[in-house]
Amino acid sequence: MKIDNTWSLFLDRDGVINRRLIDDYVKSWAEFEFMPDAVETIAYLRSIFSTIFVVTNQQGIGKKLMSEADLRAIHDKMVAALALKNTTSQPIINQLYFCPSLKSE
């Protein structure tokens, strides 16, 4: 089986794109830190996959530690930083999906 540009890639955010905060949540851009080589790796993957999705659980919203607007601001800055390394005409991330629900839900 060969991976080519007909495939889509789904990436988790915390622990894959950015450092996961143990027993906490990334609630602002100041707390966001890219994983080593994540920016360059995603730019490389952009040249292979037709579509890149980011999916992420964000219980911090459900716990009222942050708002959806806070999350959008983080994601906007993340995508802008990733786009600086993008060498294709495609958007670096096609779509971001998040789940704000609590684990108990």
PDB file of N, CA and C in Angstrom:
ATOM      1  N   MET A   1       0.847  -1.159   0.000  1.00  0.00           N
ATOM      2  CA  MET A   1       0.000   0.000   0.000  1.00  0.00           C
ATOM      3  C   MET A   1       0.901   1.233   0.000  1.00  0.00           C
ATOM      4  N   LYS A   2       0.584   2.177  -0.860  1.00  0.00           N
ATOM      5  CA  LYS A   2       1.394   3.380  -0.982  1.00  0.00           C
ATOM      6  C   LYS A   2       0.603   4.598  -0.517  1.00  0.00           C
ATOM      7  N   ILE A   3       1.195   5.371   0.375  1.00  0.00           N
ATOM      8  CA  ILE A   3       0.579   6.617   0.799  1.00  0.00           C
ATOM      9  C   ILE A   3       0.863   7.657  -0.279  1.00  0.00           C
ATOM     10  N   ASP A   4      -0.196   8.327  -0.715  1.00  0.00           N
ATOM     11  CA  ASP A   4      -0.033   9.367  -1.726  1.00  0.00           C
ATOM     12  C   ASP A   4      -1.005  10.503  -1.455  1.00  0.00           C
ATOM     13  N   ASN A   5      -1.120  11.417  -2.412  1.00  0.00           N
ATOM     14  CA  ASN A   5      -1.928  12.611  -2.183  1.00  0.00           C
ATOM     15  C   ASN A   5      -3.436  12.367  -2.257  1.00  0.00           C
ATOM     16  N   THR A   6      -3.866  11.127  -2.334  1.00  0.00           N
ATOM     17  CA  THR A   6      -5.292  10.838  -2.222  1.00  0.00           C
ATOM     18  C   THR A   6      -5.683  10.538  -0.775  1.00  0.00           C
ATOM     19  N   TRP A   7      -4.689  10.461   0.095  1.00  0.00           N
ATOM     20  CA  TRP A   7      -4.926  10.143   1.502  1.00  0.00           C
ATOM     21  C   TRP A   7      -5.149  11.416   2.319  1.00  0.00           C
ATOM     22  N   SER A   8      -5.839  11.246   3.444  1.00  0.00           N
ATOM     23  CA  SER A   8      -5.998  12.323   4.425  1.00  0.00           C
ATOM     24  C   SER A   8      -5.249  11.935   5.688  1.00  0.00           C
ATOM     25  N   LEU A   9      -4.795  12.927   6.414  1.00  0.00           N
ATOM     26  CA  LEU A   9      -4.058  12.713   7.652  1.00  0.00           C
ATOM     27  C   LEU A   9      -4.812  13.377   8.793  1.00  0.00           C
ATOM     28  N   PHE A  10      -4.998  12.644   9.891  1.00  0.00           N
ATOM     29  CA  PHE A  10      -5.618  13.172  11.097  1.00  0.00           C
ATOM     30  C   PHE A  10      -4.552  13.251  12.178  1.00  0.00           C
ATOM     31  N   LEU A  11      -4.345  14.441  12.724  1.00  0.00           N
ATOM     32  CA  LEU A  11      -3.363  14.648  13.779  1.00  0.00           C
ATOM     33  C   LEU A  11      -4.064  15.075  15.058  1.00  0.00           C
ATOM     34  N   ASP A  12      -3.672  14.478  16.173  1.00  0.00           N
ATOM     35  CA  ASP A  12      -4.099  14.981  17.471  1.00  0.00           C
ATOM     36  C   ASP A  12      -3.281  16.228  17.754  1.00  0.00           C
ATOM     37  N   ARG A  13      -3.757  17.105  18.593  1.00  0.00           N
ATOM     38  CA  ARG A  13      -3.002  18.321  18.874  1.00  0.00           C
ATOM     39  C   ARG A  13      -2.061  18.134  20.061  1.00  0.00           C
ATOM     40  N   ASP A  14      -2.616  17.967  21.257  1.00  0.00           N
ATOM     41  CA  ASP A  14      -1.797  17.928  22.467  1.00  0.00           C
ATOM     42  C   ASP A  14      -0.946  16.664  22.510  1.00  0.00           C
ATOM     43  N   GLY A  15       0.358  16.865  22.600  1.00  0.00           N
ATOM     44  CA  GLY A  15       1.293  15.749  22.629  1.00  0.00           C
ATOM     45  C   GLY A  15       1.800  15.345  21.262  1.00  0.00           C
ATOM     46  N   VAL A  16       1.200  15.875  20.203  1.00  0.00           N
ATOM     47  CA  VAL A  16       1.644  15.599  18.837  1.00  0.00           C
ATOM     48  C   VAL A  16       2.154  16.889  18.194  1.00  0.00           C
ATOM     49  N   ILE A  17       1.314  17.911  18.176  1.00  0.00           N
ATOM     50  CA  ILE A  17       1.709  19.196  17.615  1.00  0.00           C
ATOM     51  C   ILE A  17       2.353  20.076  18.687  1.00  0.00           C
ATOM     52  N   ASN A  18       1.740  20.099  19.842  1.00  0.00           N
ATOM     53  CA  ASN A  18       2.274  20.912  20.939  1.00  0.00           C
ATOM     54  C   ASN A  18       2.503  20.058  22.184  1.00  0.00           C
ATOM     55  N   ARG A  19       3.327  20.573  23.070  1.00  0.00           N
ATOM     56  CA  ARG A  19       3.581  19.874  24.328  1.00  0.00           C
ATOM     57  C   ARG A  19       2.296  19.813  25.135  1.00  0.00           C
ATOM     58  N   ARG A  20       2.010  18.635  25.620  1.00  0.00           N
ATOM     59  CA  ARG A  20       0.848  18.422  26.476  1.00  0.00           C
ATOM     60  C   ARG A  20       1.213  18.864  27.882  1.00  0.00           C
ATOM     61  N   LEU A  21       0.322  19.593  28.509  1.00  0.00           N
ATOM     62  CA  LEU A  21       0.527  20.005  29.891  1.00  0.00           C
ATOM     63  C   LEU A  21      -0.135  18.971  30.793  1.00  0.00           C
ATOM     64  N   ILE A  22       0.657  18.262  31.554  1.00  0.00           N
ATOM     65  CA  ILE A  22       0.129  17.207  32.433  1.00  0.00           C
ATOM     66  C   ILE A  22      -0.737  17.842  33.521  1.00  0.00           C
ATOM     67  N   ASP A  23      -1.933  17.302  33.692  1.00  0.00           N
ATOM     68  CA  ASP A  23      -2.901  17.785  34.690  1.00  0.00           C
ATOM     69  C   ASP A  23      -3.248  19.262  34.506  1.00  0.00           C
ATOM     70  N   ASP A  24      -3.181  19.758  33.289  1.00  0.00           N
ATOM     71  CA  ASP A  24      -3.538  21.144  32.987  1.00  0.00           C
ATOM     72  C   ASP A  24      -3.941  21.215  31.517  1.00  0.00           C
ATOM     73  N   TYR A  25      -4.277  22.408  31.061  1.00  0.00           N
ATOM     74  CA  TYR A  25      -4.719  22.629  29.701  1.00  0.00           C
ATOM     75  C   TYR A  25      -3.988  23.830  29.121  1.00  0.00           C
ATOM     76  N   VAL A  26      -3.729  23.792  27.830  1.00  0.00           N
ATOM     77  CA  VAL A  26      -3.181  24.958  27.137  1.00  0.00           C
ATOM     78  C   VAL A  26      -4.350  25.917  26.978  1.00  0.00           C
ATOM     79  N   LYS A  27      -4.336  26.978  27.765  1.00  0.00           N
ATOM     80  CA  LYS A  27      -5.461  27.903  27.816  1.00  0.00           C
ATOM     81  C   LYS A  27      -5.189  29.219  27.098  1.00  0.00           C
ATOM     82  N   SER A  28      -3.943  29.421  26.666  1.00  0.00           N
ATOM     83  CA  SER A  28      -3.581  30.649  25.970  1.00  0.00           C
ATOM     84  C   SER A  28      -2.378  30.366  25.071  1.00  0.00           C
ATOM     85  N   TRP A  29      -2.125  31.282  24.149  1.00  0.00           N
ATOM     86  CA  TRP A  29      -0.980  31.122  23.251  1.00  0.00           C
ATOM     87  C   TRP A  29       0.326  31.116  24.043  1.00  0.00           C
ATOM     88  N   ALA A  30       0.388  31.831  25.143  1.00  0.00           N
ATOM     89  CA  ALA A  30       1.603  31.873  25.965  1.00  0.00           C
ATOM     90  C   ALA A  30       1.950  30.491  26.532  1.00  0.00           C
ATOM     91  N   GLU A  31       0.968  29.638  26.699  1.00  0.00           N
ATOM     92  CA  GLU A  31       1.197  28.287  27.229  1.00  0.00           C
ATOM     93  C   GLU A  31       1.446  27.253  26.123  1.00  0.00           C
ATOM     94  N   PHE A  32       1.290  27.654  24.877  1.00  0.00           N
ATOM     95  CA  PHE A  32       1.443  26.751  23.745  1.00  0.00           C
ATOM     96  C   PHE A  32       2.916  26.645  23.374  1.00  0.00           C
ATOM     97  N   GLU A  33       3.414  25.420  23.242  1.00  0.00           N
ATOM     98  CA  GLU A  33       4.796  25.189  22.817  1.00  0.00           C
ATOM     99  C   GLU A  33       4.802  24.042  21.810  1.00  0.00           C
ATOM    100  N   PHE A  34       5.293  24.306  20.610  1.00  0.00           N
ATOM    101  CA  PHE A  34       5.357  23.259  19.600  1.00  0.00           C
ATOM    102  C   PHE A  34       6.278  22.133  20.070  1.00  0.00           C
ATOM    103  N   MET A  35       5.926  20.909  19.712  1.00  0.00           N
ATOM    104  CA  MET A  35       6.813  19.765  19.934  1.00  0.00           C
ATOM    105  C   MET A  35       8.035  19.955  19.037  1.00  0.00           C
ATOM    106  N   PRO A  36       9.182  19.405  19.451  1.00  0.00           N
ATOM    107  CA  PRO A  36      10.377  19.524  18.602  1.00  0.00           C
ATOM    108  C   PRO A  36      10.099  18.989  17.192  1.00  0.00           C
ATOM    109  N   ASP A  37      10.469  19.739  16.199  1.00  0.00           N
ATOM    110  CA  ASP A  37      10.344  19.381  14.777  1.00  0.00           C
ATOM    111  C   ASP A  37       8.908  19.277  14.270  1.00  0.00           C
ATOM    112  N   ALA A  38       7.925  19.645  15.075  1.00  0.00           N
ATOM    113  CA  ALA A  38       6.532  19.525  14.637  1.00  0.00           C
ATOM    114  C   ALA A  38       6.237  20.412  13.435  1.00  0.00           C
ATOM    115  N   VAL A  39       6.709  21.637  13.451  1.00  0.00           N
ATOM    116  CA  VAL A  39       6.421  22.573  12.363  1.00  0.00           C
ATOM    117  C   VAL A  39       6.986  22.049  11.045  1.00  0.00           C
ATOM    118  N   GLU A  40       8.237  21.636  11.061  1.00  0.00           N
ATOM    119  CA  GLU A  40       8.882  21.130   9.846  1.00  0.00           C
ATOM    120  C   GLU A  40       8.237  19.816   9.384  1.00  0.00           C
ATOM    121  N   THR A  41       7.884  18.969  10.332  1.00  0.00           N
ATOM    122  CA  THR A  41       7.276  17.681   9.983  1.00  0.00           C
ATOM    123  C   THR A  41       5.907  17.879   9.349  1.00  0.00           C
ATOM    124  N   ILE A  42       5.107  18.770   9.902  1.00  0.00           N
ATOM    125  CA  ILE A  42       3.780  19.022   9.333  1.00  0.00           C
ATOM    126  C   ILE A  42       3.912  19.638   7.943  1.00  0.00           C
ATOM    127  N   ALA A  43       4.880  20.525   7.764  1.00  0.00           N
ATOM    128  CA  ALA A  43       5.108  21.095   6.426  1.00  0.00           C
ATOM    129  C   ALA A  43       5.472  19.996   5.433  1.00  0.00           C
ATOM    130  N   TYR A  44       6.301  19.054   5.846  1.00  0.00           N
ATOM    131  CA  TYR A  44       6.654  17.929   4.984  1.00  0.00           C
ATOM    132  C   TYR A  44       5.412  17.076   4.689  1.00  0.00           C
ATOM    133  N   LEU A  45       4.627  16.769   5.710  1.00  0.00           N
ATOM    134  CA  LEU A  45       3.429  15.951   5.524  1.00  0.00           C
ATOM    135  C   LEU A  45       2.423  16.644   4.601  1.00  0.00           C
ATOM    136  N   ARG A  46       2.398  17.972   4.630  1.00  0.00           N
ATOM    137  CA  ARG A  46       1.508  18.734   3.757  1.00  0.00           C
ATOM    138  C   ARG A  46       1.803  18.426   2.292  1.00  0.00           C
ATOM    139  N   SER A  47       3.054  18.147   1.974  1.00  0.00           N
ATOM    140  CA  SER A  47       3.429  17.850   0.587  1.00  0.00           C
ATOM    141  C   SER A  47       3.019  16.441   0.161  1.00  0.00           C
ATOM    142  N   ILE A  48       2.627  15.606   1.112  1.00  0.00           N
ATOM    143  CA  ILE A  48       2.249  14.226   0.810  1.00  0.00           C
ATOM    144  C   ILE A  48       0.733  14.029   0.805  1.00  0.00           C
ATOM    145  N   PHE A  49       0.064  14.533   1.828  1.00  0.00           N
ATOM    146  CA  PHE A  49      -1.370  14.272   2.008  1.00  0.00           C
ATOM    147  C   PHE A  49      -2.224  15.360   1.379  1.00  0.00           C
ATOM    148  N   SER A  50      -3.381  14.959   0.836  1.00  0.00           N
ATOM    149  CA  SER A  50      -4.282  15.930   0.221  1.00  0.00           C
ATOM    150  C   SER A  50      -4.989  16.785   1.264  1.00  0.00           C
ATOM    151  N   THR A  51      -5.250  16.206   2.411  1.00  0.00           N
ATOM    152  CA  THR A  51      -6.010  16.895   3.445  1.00  0.00           C
ATOM    153  C   THR A  51      -5.394  16.582   4.801  1.00  0.00           C
ATOM    154  N   ILE A  52      -5.236  17.625   5.618  1.00  0.00           N
ATOM    155  CA  ILE A  52      -4.753  17.432   6.989  1.00  0.00           C
ATOM    156  C   ILE A  52      -5.790  17.995   7.943  1.00  0.00           C
ATOM    157  N   PHE A  53      -6.235  17.140   8.843  1.00  0.00           N
ATOM    158  CA  PHE A  53      -7.182  17.511   9.887  1.00  0.00           C
ATOM    159  C   PHE A  53      -6.460  17.491  11.231  1.00  0.00           C
ATOM    160  N   VAL A  54      -6.840  18.400  12.108  1.00  0.00           N
ATOM    161  CA  VAL A  54      -6.399  18.350  13.497  1.00  0.00           C
ATOM    162  C   VAL A  54      -7.643  18.080  14.330  1.00  0.00           C
ATOM    163  N   VAL A  55      -7.554  17.086  15.186  1.00  0.00           N
ATOM    164  CA  VAL A  55      -8.650  16.728  16.088  1.00  0.00           C
ATOM    165  C   VAL A  55      -8.110  16.791  17.511  1.00  0.00           C
ATOM    166  N   THR A  56      -8.916  17.332  18.409  1.00  0.00           N
ATOM    167  CA  THR A  56      -8.410  17.532  19.763  1.00  0.00           C
ATOM    168  C   THR A  56      -9.529  17.543  20.794  1.00  0.00           C
ATOM    169  N   ASN A  57      -9.283  16.907  21.912  1.00  0.00           N
ATOM    170  CA  ASN A  57     -10.179  16.995  23.065  1.00  0.00           C
ATOM    171  C   ASN A  57      -9.780  18.232  23.854  1.00  0.00           C
ATOM    172  N   GLN A  58     -10.746  19.040  24.223  1.00  0.00           N
ATOM    173  CA  GLN A  58     -10.464  20.271  24.956  1.00  0.00           C
ATOM    174  C   GLN A  58     -11.419  20.413  26.136  1.00  0.00           C
ATOM    175  N   GLN A  59     -11.211  19.546  27.136  1.00  0.00           N
ATOM    176  CA  GLN A  59     -12.049  19.570  28.332  1.00  0.00           C
ATOM    177  C   GLN A  59     -11.951  20.882  29.096  1.00  0.00           C
ATOM    178  N   GLY A  60     -10.875  21.636  28.869  1.00  0.00           N
ATOM    179  CA  GLY A  60     -10.744  22.930  29.536  1.00  0.00           C
ATOM    180  C   GLY A  60     -11.926  23.841  29.257  1.00  0.00           C
ATOM    181  N   ILE A  61     -12.541  23.692  28.095  1.00  0.00           N
ATOM    182  CA  ILE A  61     -13.743  24.467  27.770  1.00  0.00           C
ATOM    183  C   ILE A  61     -14.907  23.969  28.617  1.00  0.00           C
ATOM    184  N   GLY A  62     -15.074  22.665  28.650  1.00  0.00           N
ATOM    185  CA  GLY A  62     -16.156  22.083  29.453  1.00  0.00           C
ATOM    186  C   GLY A  62     -16.021  22.378  30.934  1.00  0.00           C
ATOM    187  N   LYS A  63     -14.793  22.539  31.392  1.00  0.00           N
ATOM    188  CA  LYS A  63     -14.532  22.861  32.803  1.00  0.00           C
ATOM    189  C   LYS A  63     -14.545  24.365  33.057  1.00  0.00           C
ATOM    190  N   LYS A  64     -14.840  25.148  32.015  1.00  0.00           N
ATOM    191  CA  LYS A  64     -14.916  26.618  32.109  1.00  0.00           C
ATOM    192  C   LYS A  64     -13.576  27.261  32.471  1.00  0.00           C
ATOM    193  N   LEU A  65     -12.472  26.612  32.108  1.00  0.00           N
ATOM    194  CA  LEU A  65     -11.140  27.172  32.329  1.00  0.00           C
ATOM    195  C   LEU A  65     -10.723  28.062  31.168  1.00  0.00           C
ATOM    196  N   MET A  66     -11.428  27.904  30.057  1.00  0.00           N
ATOM    197  CA  MET A  66     -11.168  28.686  28.853  1.00  0.00           C
ATOM    198  C   MET A  66     -12.446  28.702  28.023  1.00  0.00           C
ATOM    199  N   SER A  67     -12.504  29.598  27.074  1.00  0.00           N
ATOM    200  CA  SER A  67     -13.689  29.696  26.208  1.00  0.00           C
ATOM    201  C   SER A  67     -13.362  29.162  24.815  1.00  0.00           C
ATOM    202  N   GLU A  68     -14.394  28.993  24.023  1.00  0.00           N
ATOM    203  CA  GLU A  68     -14.171  28.604  22.629  1.00  0.00           C
ATOM    204  C   GLU A  68     -13.402  29.694  21.894  1.00  0.00           C
ATOM    205  N   ALA A  69     -13.617  30.948  22.249  1.00  0.00           N
ATOM    206  CA  ALA A  69     -12.869  32.057  21.640  1.00  0.00           C
ATOM    207  C   ALA A  69     -11.381  31.952  21.991  1.00  0.00           C
ATOM    208  N   ASP A  70     -11.081  31.556  23.228  1.00  0.00           N
ATOM    209  CA  ASP A  70      -9.678  31.349  23.615  1.00  0.00           C
ATOM    210  C   ASP A  70      -9.050  30.265  22.747  1.00  0.00           C
ATOM    211  N   LEU A  71      -9.779  29.170  22.556  1.00  0.00           N
ATOM    212  CA  LEU A  71      -9.268  28.065  21.747  1.00  0.00           C
ATOM    213  C   LEU A  71      -9.073  28.495  20.296  1.00  0.00           C
ATOM    214  N   ARG A  72     -10.028  29.236  19.758  1.00  0.00           N
ATOM    215  CA  ARG A  72      -9.895  29.730  18.374  1.00  0.00           C
ATOM    216  C   ARG A  72      -8.650  30.601  18.226  1.00  0.00           C
ATOM    217  N   ALA A  73      -8.387  31.446  19.213  1.00  0.00           N
ATOM    218  CA  ALA A  73      -7.208  32.313  19.158  1.00  0.00           C
ATOM    219  C   ALA A  73      -5.923  31.482  19.155  1.00  0.00           C
ATOM    220  N   ILE A  74      -5.868  30.451  19.972  1.00  0.00           N
ATOM    221  CA  ILE A  74      -4.707  29.551  19.999  1.00  0.00           C
ATOM    222  C   ILE A  74      -4.547  28.877  18.644  1.00  0.00           C
ATOM    223  N   HIS A  75      -5.641  28.347  18.115  1.00  0.00           N
ATOM    224  CA  HIS A  75      -5.583  27.636  16.837  1.00  0.00           C
ATOM    225  C   HIS A  75      -5.217  28.573  15.689  1.00  0.00           C
ATOM    226  N   ASP A  76      -5.732  29.793  15.702  1.00  0.00           N
ATOM    227  CA  ASP A  76      -5.380  30.757  14.644  1.00  0.00           C
ATOM    228  C   ASP A  76      -3.874  31.016  14.643  1.00  0.00           C
ATOM    229  N   LYS A  77      -3.293  31.190  15.822  1.00  0.00           N
ATOM    230  CA  LYS A  77      -1.855  31.455  15.911  1.00  0.00           C
ATOM    231  C   LYS A  77      -1.042  30.211  15.563  1.00  0.00           C
ATOM    232  N   MET A  78      -1.536  29.044  15.949  1.00  0.00           N
ATOM    233  CA  MET A  78      -0.858  27.794  15.611  1.00  0.00           C
ATOM    234  C   MET A  78      -0.816  27.617  14.093  1.00  0.00           C
ATOM    235  N   VAL A  79      -1.954  27.798  13.438  1.00  0.00           N
ATOM    236  CA  VAL A  79      -2.032  27.632  11.983  1.00  0.00           C
ATOM    237  C   VAL A  79      -1.153  28.668  11.283  1.00  0.00           C
ATOM    238  N   ALA A  80      -1.140  29.899  11.781  1.00  0.00           N
ATOM    239  CA  ALA A  80      -0.298  30.938  11.179  1.00  0.00           C
ATOM    240  C   ALA A  80       1.179  30.580  11.299  1.00  0.00           C
ATOM    241  N   ALA A  81       1.582  30.059  12.451  1.00  0.00           N
ATOM    242  CA  ALA A  81       2.981  29.662  12.641  1.00  0.00           C
ATOM    243  C   ALA A  81       3.338  28.486  11.741  1.00  0.00           C
ATOM    244  N   LEU A  82       2.441  27.532  11.604  1.00  0.00           N
ATOM    245  CA  LEU A  82       2.675  26.389  10.727  1.00  0.00           C
ATOM    246  C   LEU A  82       2.751  26.832   9.270  1.00  0.00           C
ATOM    247  N   ALA A  83       1.921  27.777   8.891  1.00  0.00           N
ATOM    248  CA  ALA A  83       1.854  28.224   7.495  1.00  0.00           C
ATOM    249  C   ALA A  83       3.162  28.857   7.020  1.00  0.00           C
ATOM    250  N   LEU A  84       3.950  29.364   7.935  1.00  0.00           N
ATOM    251  CA  LEU A  84       5.230  29.985   7.550  1.00  0.00           C
ATOM    252  C   LEU A  84       6.172  28.998   6.872  1.00  0.00           C
ATOM    253  N   LYS A  85       6.009  27.705   7.151  1.00  0.00           N
ATOM    254  CA  LYS A  85       6.866  26.667   6.555  1.00  0.00           C
ATOM    255  C   LYS A  85       6.201  25.951   5.384  1.00  0.00           C
ATOM    256  N   ASN A  86       4.974  26.314   5.079  1.00  0.00           N
ATOM    257  CA  ASN A  86       4.219  25.642   4.024  1.00  0.00           C
ATOM    258  C   ASN A  86       4.768  26.025   2.660  1.00  0.00           C
ATOM    259  N   THR A  87       5.123  25.047   1.864  1.00  0.00           N
ATOM    260  CA  THR A  87       5.648  25.307   0.519  1.00  0.00           C
ATOM    261  C   THR A  87       4.653  24.909  -0.573  1.00  0.00           C
ATOM    262  N   THR A  88       3.440  24.582  -0.202  1.00  0.00           N
ATOM    263  CA  THR A  88       2.425  24.185  -1.181  1.00  0.00           C
ATOM    264  C   THR A  88       1.376  25.282  -1.311  1.00  0.00           C
ATOM    265  N   SER A  89       0.496  25.132  -2.272  1.00  0.00           N
ATOM    266  CA  SER A  89      -0.595  26.089  -2.435  1.00  0.00           C
ATOM    267  C   SER A  89      -1.810  25.722  -1.576  1.00  0.00           C
ATOM    268  N   GLN A  90      -1.745  24.586  -0.933  1.00  0.00           N
ATOM    269  CA  GLN A  90      -2.829  24.118  -0.066  1.00  0.00           C
ATOM    270  C   GLN A  90      -2.722  24.768   1.313  1.00  0.00           C
ATOM    271  N   PRO A  91      -3.844  24.926   2.018  1.00  0.00           N
ATOM    272  CA  PRO A  91      -3.740  25.390   3.404  1.00  0.00           C
ATOM    273  C   PRO A  91      -2.961  24.354   4.213  1.00  0.00           C
ATOM    274  N   ILE A  92      -2.187  24.794   5.176  1.00  0.00           N
ATOM    275  CA  ILE A  92      -1.362  23.866   5.963  1.00  0.00           C
ATOM    276  C   ILE A  92      -2.244  22.892   6.742  1.00  0.00           C
ATOM    277  N   ILE A  93      -3.320  23.378   7.319  1.00  0.00           N
ATOM    278  CA  ILE A  93      -4.319  22.552   8.012  1.00  0.00           C
ATOM    279  C   ILE A  93      -5.649  22.835   7.323  1.00  0.00           C
ATOM    280  N   ASN A  94      -6.310  21.801   6.867  1.00  0.00           N
ATOM    281  CA  ASN A  94      -7.580  22.001   6.175  1.00  0.00           C
ATOM    282  C   ASN A  94      -8.725  22.288   7.133  1.00  0.00           C
ATOM    283  N   GLN A  95      -8.704  21.600   8.279  1.00  0.00           N
ATOM    284  CA  GLN A  95      -9.804  21.793   9.228  1.00  0.00           C
ATOM    285  C   GLN A  95      -9.355  21.371  10.616  1.00  0.00           C
ATOM    286  N   LEU A  96      -9.847  22.085  11.631  1.00  0.00           N
ATOM    287  CA  LEU A  96      -9.613  21.740  13.035  1.00  0.00           C
ATOM    288  C   LEU A  96     -10.948  21.390  13.662  1.00  0.00           C
ATOM    289  N   TYR A  97     -10.988  20.279  14.363  1.00  0.00           N
ATOM    290  CA  TYR A  97     -12.170  19.851  15.088  1.00  0.00           C
ATOM    291  C   TYR A  97     -11.807  19.657  16.548  1.00  0.00           C
ATOM    292  N   PHE A  98     -12.712  20.094  17.442  1.00  0.00           N
ATOM    293  CA  PHE A  98     -12.444  19.899  18.864  1.00  0.00           C
ATOM    294  C   PHE A  98     -13.706  19.416  19.557  1.00  0.00           C
ATOM    295  N   CYS A  99     -13.481  18.735  20.662  1.00  0.00           N
ATOM    296  CA  CYS A  99     -14.571  18.276  21.502  1.00  0.00           C
ATOM    297  C   CYS A  99     -14.400  18.929  22.876  1.00  0.00           C
ATOM    298  N   PRO A 100     -15.335  19.780  23.293  1.00  0.00           N
ATOM    299  CA  PRO A 100     -15.221  20.456  24.578  1.00  0.00           C
ATOM    300  C   PRO A 100     -15.800  19.663  25.750  1.00  0.00           C
ATOM    301  N   SER A 101     -16.360  18.511  25.468  1.00  0.00           N
ATOM    302  CA  SER A 101     -17.075  17.749  26.487  1.00  0.00           C
ATOM    303  C   SER A 101     -16.150  17.213  27.563  1.00  0.00           C
ATOM    304  N   LEU A 102     -16.695  17.055  28.742  1.00  0.00           N
ATOM    305  CA  LEU A 102     -15.968  16.449  29.838  1.00  0.00           C
ATOM    306  C   LEU A 102     -15.862  14.947  29.625  1.00  0.00           C
ATOM    307  N   LYS A 103     -14.843  14.343  30.173  1.00  0.00           N
ATOM    308  CA  LYS A 103     -14.640  12.900  30.049  1.00  0.00           C
ATOM    309  C   LYS A 103     -15.880  12.134  30.524  1.00  0.00           C
ATOM    310  N   SER A 104     -16.522  12.630  31.568  1.00  0.00           N
ATOM    311  CA  SER A 104     -17.695  11.956  32.129  1.00  0.00           C
ATOM    312  C   SER A 104     -18.907  11.994  31.201  1.00  0.00           C
ATOM    313  N   GLU A 105     -18.856  12.881  30.223  1.00  0.00           N
ATOM    314  CA  GLU A 105     -19.986  12.988  29.290  1.00  0.00           C
ATOM    315  C   GLU A 105     -19.822  12.023  28.136  1.00  0.00           C
TER     316      GLU A 105
END
